[in-house]
Amino acid sequence: MTDLLPDIRAVLDSSAIRSYARGHIHVGEVITEVADDSAYVGIPATALLDAHAQCLGDKVARARLGVLVHLPGTQVLALDADAAAHVAETVPFSHGDLSRSHAVWASLEHAAVYLTAEPQESARLIAKDRIIVIPADDA
């Protein structure tokens, strides 16, 4: 795997990141499969921020988020000035949800599958065959 041009095969939205923070196994399984193929799962910085904000009262969940970003096979996707200009174009379609907009844009930009526990919120933004639904509850 290279740090210069990461091969992003999947992108997590905030709901998928929160699922990982709750200790559910589904996201970890996808990360393992993608890493085994020498590729990465993208974690949009705004989705990570949203997940952190929603887990403020849960120290264990926040610790899991710290682990998530350091796993082999994950890559935090920054929102730099260039990306911000492009992500902004998706904001009206996500009803102003900046986190979802960043994740959708990243998925489209990298031609990656989109992992979410909220498929109804993303169905109008990503083709159904590109969405991997993460169960809201653990197996």
C-alpha atoms as a PDB file:
ATOM      1  CA  MET A   1       0.000   0.000   0.000  1.00  0.00           C
ATOM      2  CA  THR A   2       1.254   3.443  -0.806  1.00  0.00           C
ATOM      3  CA  ASP A   3       0.707   6.682   1.091  1.00  0.00           C
ATOM      4  CA  LEU A   4       1.134   8.795  -2.051  1.00  0.00           C
ATOM      5  CA  LEU A   5      -1.859   7.631  -4.062  1.00  0.00           C
ATOM      6  CA  PRO A   6      -4.118   5.536  -1.881  1.00  0.00           C
ATOM      7  CA  ASP A   7      -6.482   3.187  -3.664  1.00  0.00           C
ATOM      8  CA  ILE A   8      -9.776   3.990  -1.922  1.00  0.00           C
ATOM      9  CA  ARG A   9     -12.236   1.128  -2.482  1.00  0.00           C
ATOM     10  CA  ALA A  10     -14.880   2.046   0.096  1.00  0.00           C
ATOM     11  CA  VAL A  11     -15.952   5.186   1.953  1.00  0.00           C
ATOM     12  CA  LEU A  12     -17.586   5.325   5.386  1.00  0.00           C
ATOM     13  CA  ASP A  13     -20.279   7.843   6.161  1.00  0.00           C
ATOM     14  CA  SER A  14     -20.843   9.099   9.699  1.00  0.00           C
ATOM     15  CA  SER A  15     -23.420   6.402  10.484  1.00  0.00           C
ATOM     16  CA  ALA A  16     -20.961   3.654   9.508  1.00  0.00           C
ATOM     17  CA  ILE A  17     -18.232   5.300  11.592  1.00  0.00           C
ATOM     18  CA  ARG A  18     -20.605   5.480  14.576  1.00  0.00           C
ATOM     19  CA  SER A  19     -21.428   1.802  14.075  1.00  0.00           C
ATOM     20  CA  TYR A  20     -17.726   1.012  14.440  1.00  0.00           C
ATOM     21  CA  ALA A  21     -17.564   3.258  17.521  1.00  0.00           C
ATOM     22  CA  ARG A  22     -20.375   1.241  19.113  1.00  0.00           C
ATOM     23  CA  GLY A  23     -18.263  -1.898  18.673  1.00  0.00           C
ATOM     24  CA  HIS A  24     -20.202  -3.452  15.804  1.00  0.00           C
ATOM     25  CA  ILE A  25     -18.130  -5.810  13.668  1.00  0.00           C
ATOM     26  CA  HIS A  26     -19.433  -4.994  10.191  1.00  0.00           C
ATOM     27  CA  VAL A  27     -17.169  -2.061   9.332  1.00  0.00           C
ATOM     28  CA  GLY A  28     -14.115  -3.892  10.637  1.00  0.00           C
ATOM     29  CA  GLU A  29     -14.886  -6.839   8.383  1.00  0.00           C
ATOM     30  CA  VAL A  30     -15.005  -4.574   5.316  1.00  0.00           C
ATOM     31  CA  ILE A  31     -11.765  -2.847   6.328  1.00  0.00           C
ATOM     32  CA  THR A  32     -10.048  -6.233   6.654  1.00  0.00           C
ATOM     33  CA  GLU A  33     -11.268  -7.364   3.225  1.00  0.00           C
ATOM     34  CA  VAL A  34     -10.182  -4.121   1.566  1.00  0.00           C
ATOM     35  CA  ALA A  35      -6.782  -4.091   3.321  1.00  0.00           C
ATOM     36  CA  ASP A  36      -6.203  -7.706   2.265  1.00  0.00           C
ATOM     37  CA  ASP A  37      -6.441  -6.395  -1.300  1.00  0.00           C
ATOM     38  CA  SER A  38      -3.785  -3.718  -0.560  1.00  0.00           C
ATOM     39  CA  ALA A  39      -6.347  -0.927  -0.725  1.00  0.00           C
ATOM     40  CA  TYR A  40      -8.011   1.476   1.701  1.00  0.00           C
ATOM     41  CA  VAL A  41     -11.334   2.406   3.234  1.00  0.00           C
ATOM     42  CA  GLY A  42     -11.710   6.189   3.173  1.00  0.00           C
ATOM     43  CA  ILE A  43     -12.829   8.080   6.256  1.00  0.00           C
ATOM     44  CA  PRO A  44     -13.956  11.585   5.277  1.00  0.00           C
ATOM     45  CA  ALA A  45     -12.719  14.065   7.882  1.00  0.00           C
ATOM     46  CA  THR A  46     -16.131  15.705   8.212  1.00  0.00           C
ATOM     47  CA  ALA A  47     -17.823  12.329   8.775  1.00  0.00           C
ATOM     48  CA  LEU A  48     -15.230  11.555  11.442  1.00  0.00           C
ATOM     49  CA  LEU A  49     -15.888  14.947  13.066  1.00  0.00           C
ATOM     50  CA  ASP A  50     -19.628  14.267  13.037  1.00  0.00           C
ATOM     51  CA  ALA A  51     -19.117  10.841  14.626  1.00  0.00           C
ATOM     52  CA  HIS A  52     -16.878  12.320  17.332  1.00  0.00           C
ATOM     53  CA  ALA A  53     -19.456  15.008  18.076  1.00  0.00           C
ATOM     54  CA  GLN A  54     -22.224  12.422  18.398  1.00  0.00           C
ATOM     55  CA  CYS A  55     -20.111  10.269  20.728  1.00  0.00           C
ATOM     56  CA  LEU A  56     -18.993  13.039  23.110  1.00  0.00           C
ATOM     57  CA  GLY A  57     -20.422  11.363  26.207  1.00  0.00           C
ATOM     58  CA  ASP A  58     -18.983   7.919  25.441  1.00  0.00           C
ATOM     59  CA  LYS A  59     -15.256   7.566  26.175  1.00  0.00           C
ATOM     60  CA  VAL A  60     -15.107   3.993  24.864  1.00  0.00           C
ATOM     61  CA  ALA A  61     -16.715   4.958  21.552  1.00  0.00           C
ATOM     62  CA  ARG A  62     -14.335   7.900  21.170  1.00  0.00           C
ATOM     63  CA  ALA A  63     -11.390   5.596  21.869  1.00  0.00           C
ATOM     64  CA  ARG A  64     -12.620   3.250  19.134  1.00  0.00           C
ATOM     65  CA  LEU A  65     -12.699   6.207  16.738  1.00  0.00           C
ATOM     66  CA  GLY A  66      -9.050   6.834  17.602  1.00  0.00           C
ATOM     67  CA  VAL A  67      -8.265   3.218  16.762  1.00  0.00           C
ATOM     68  CA  LEU A  68     -10.266   3.333  13.518  1.00  0.00           C
ATOM     69  CA  VAL A  69      -8.154   6.059  11.934  1.00  0.00           C
ATOM     70  CA  HIS A  70      -4.928   4.167  12.675  1.00  0.00           C
ATOM     71  CA  LEU A  71      -5.965   0.780  11.355  1.00  0.00           C
ATOM     72  CA  PRO A  72      -4.032  -0.621   8.411  1.00  0.00           C
ATOM     73  CA  GLY A  73      -6.361  -0.205   5.476  1.00  0.00           C
ATOM     74  CA  THR A  74      -7.956   3.087   6.524  1.00  0.00           C
ATOM     75  CA  GLN A  75      -7.172   6.527   5.190  1.00  0.00           C
ATOM     76  CA  VAL A  76      -8.590   9.794   6.534  1.00  0.00           C
ATOM     77  CA  LEU A  77      -9.733  11.916   3.604  1.00  0.00           C
ATOM     78  CA  ALA A  78      -8.962  15.561   4.294  1.00  0.00           C
ATOM     79  CA  LEU A  79     -11.203  18.394   3.250  1.00  0.00           C
ATOM     80  CA  ASP A  80      -8.702  20.747   1.684  1.00  0.00           C
ATOM     81  CA  ALA A  81      -9.550  23.883  -0.295  1.00  0.00           C
ATOM     82  CA  ASP A  82      -9.811  22.063  -3.616  1.00  0.00           C
ATOM     83  CA  ALA A  83     -12.011  19.273  -2.237  1.00  0.00           C
ATOM     84  CA  ALA A  84     -14.200  21.816  -0.393  1.00  0.00           C
ATOM     85  CA  ALA A  85     -15.078  23.519  -3.674  1.00  0.00           C
ATOM     86  CA  HIS A  86     -16.183  20.199  -5.165  1.00  0.00           C
ATOM     87  CA  VAL A  87     -17.941  18.885  -2.052  1.00  0.00           C
ATOM     88  CA  ALA A  88     -19.979  22.091  -1.905  1.00  0.00           C
ATOM     89  CA  GLU A  89     -21.733  21.050  -5.113  1.00  0.00           C
ATOM     90  CA  THR A  90     -23.252  18.011  -3.336  1.00  0.00           C
ATOM     91  CA  VAL A  91     -24.496  19.946  -0.275  1.00  0.00           C
ATOM     92  CA  PRO A  92     -27.879  20.957  -1.764  1.00  0.00           C
ATOM     93  CA  PHE A  93     -28.613  17.301  -2.564  1.00  0.00           C
ATOM     94  CA  SER A  94     -27.886  16.183   1.010  1.00  0.00           C
ATOM     95  CA  HIS A  95     -30.181  18.786   2.564  1.00  0.00           C
ATOM     96  CA  GLY A  96     -27.196  20.692   3.951  1.00  0.00           C
ATOM     97  CA  ASP A  97     -25.556  17.724   5.673  1.00  0.00           C
ATOM     98  CA  LEU A  98     -21.853  18.545   5.254  1.00  0.00           C
ATOM     99  CA  SER A  99     -20.715  15.189   6.607  1.00  0.00           C
ATOM    100  CA  ARG A 100     -22.878  13.235   4.170  1.00  0.00           C
ATOM    101  CA  SER A 101     -21.859  15.558   1.328  1.00  0.00           C
ATOM    102  CA  HIS A 102     -18.181  14.897   1.947  1.00  0.00           C
ATOM    103  CA  ALA A 103     -18.723  11.130   2.125  1.00  0.00           C
ATOM    104  CA  VAL A 104     -20.847  11.086  -1.049  1.00  0.00           C
ATOM    105  CA  TRP A 105     -18.329  13.196  -2.939  1.00  0.00           C
ATOM    106  CA  ALA A 106     -15.443  10.970  -1.780  1.00  0.00           C
ATOM    107  CA  SER A 107     -17.295   7.852  -2.857  1.00  0.00           C
ATOM    108  CA  LEU A 108     -17.979   9.308  -6.286  1.00  0.00           C
ATOM    109  CA  GLU A 109     -14.476  10.776  -6.643  1.00  0.00           C
ATOM    110  CA  HIS A 110     -12.815   7.433  -5.896  1.00  0.00           C
ATOM    111  CA  ALA A 111     -15.449   5.261  -7.613  1.00  0.00           C
ATOM    112  CA  ALA A 112     -15.718   3.526  -4.246  1.00  0.00           C
ATOM    113  CA  VAL A 113     -18.589   1.766  -2.559  1.00  0.00           C
ATOM    114  CA  TYR A 114     -20.425   3.729   0.130  1.00  0.00           C
ATOM    115  CA  LEU A 115     -20.916   2.192   3.591  1.00  0.00           C
ATOM    116  CA  THR A 116     -23.849   3.467   5.620  1.00  0.00           C
ATOM    117  CA  ALA A 117     -26.293   2.464   8.325  1.00  0.00           C
ATOM    118  CA  GLU A 118     -28.712   5.049   6.883  1.00  0.00           C
ATOM    119  CA  PRO A 119     -29.316   3.909   3.302  1.00  0.00           C
ATOM    120  CA  GLN A 120     -32.595   5.825   3.039  1.00  0.00           C
ATOM    121  CA  GLU A 121     -30.646   9.072   3.505  1.00  0.00           C
ATOM    122  CA  SER A 122     -28.138   8.223   0.786  1.00  0.00           C
ATOM    123  CA  ALA A 123     -30.253   6.443  -1.819  1.00  0.00           C
ATOM    124  CA  ARG A 124     -30.900   9.616  -3.808  1.00  0.00           C
ATOM    125  CA  LEU A 125     -27.185  10.487  -3.797  1.00  0.00           C
ATOM    126  CA  ILE A 126     -25.446   7.196  -4.620  1.00  0.00           C
ATOM    127  CA  ALA A 127     -26.524   4.418  -6.959  1.00  0.00           C
ATOM    128  CA  LYS A 128     -28.136   1.568  -4.991  1.00  0.00           C
ATOM    129  CA  ASP A 129     -25.617  -0.954  -6.296  1.00  0.00           C
ATOM    130  CA  ARG A 130     -22.774   1.160  -4.829  1.00  0.00           C
ATOM    131  CA  ILE A 131     -24.221   1.228  -1.288  1.00  0.00           C
ATOM    132  CA  ILE A 132     -23.269  -1.351   1.331  1.00  0.00           C
ATOM    133  CA  VAL A 133     -25.734  -1.238   4.194  1.00  0.00           C
ATOM    134  CA  ILE A 134     -24.220  -1.624   7.623  1.00  0.00           C
ATOM    135  CA  PRO A 135     -26.815  -3.028  10.045  1.00  0.00           C
ATOM    136  CA  ALA A 136     -27.814  -0.611  12.810  1.00  0.00           C
ATOM    137  CA  ASP A 137     -27.413  -3.408  15.366  1.00  0.00           C
ATOM    138  CA  ASP A 138     -24.496  -5.768  15.779  1.00  0.00           C
ATOM    139  CA  ALA A 139     -24.703  -9.382  14.648  1.00  0.00           C
END
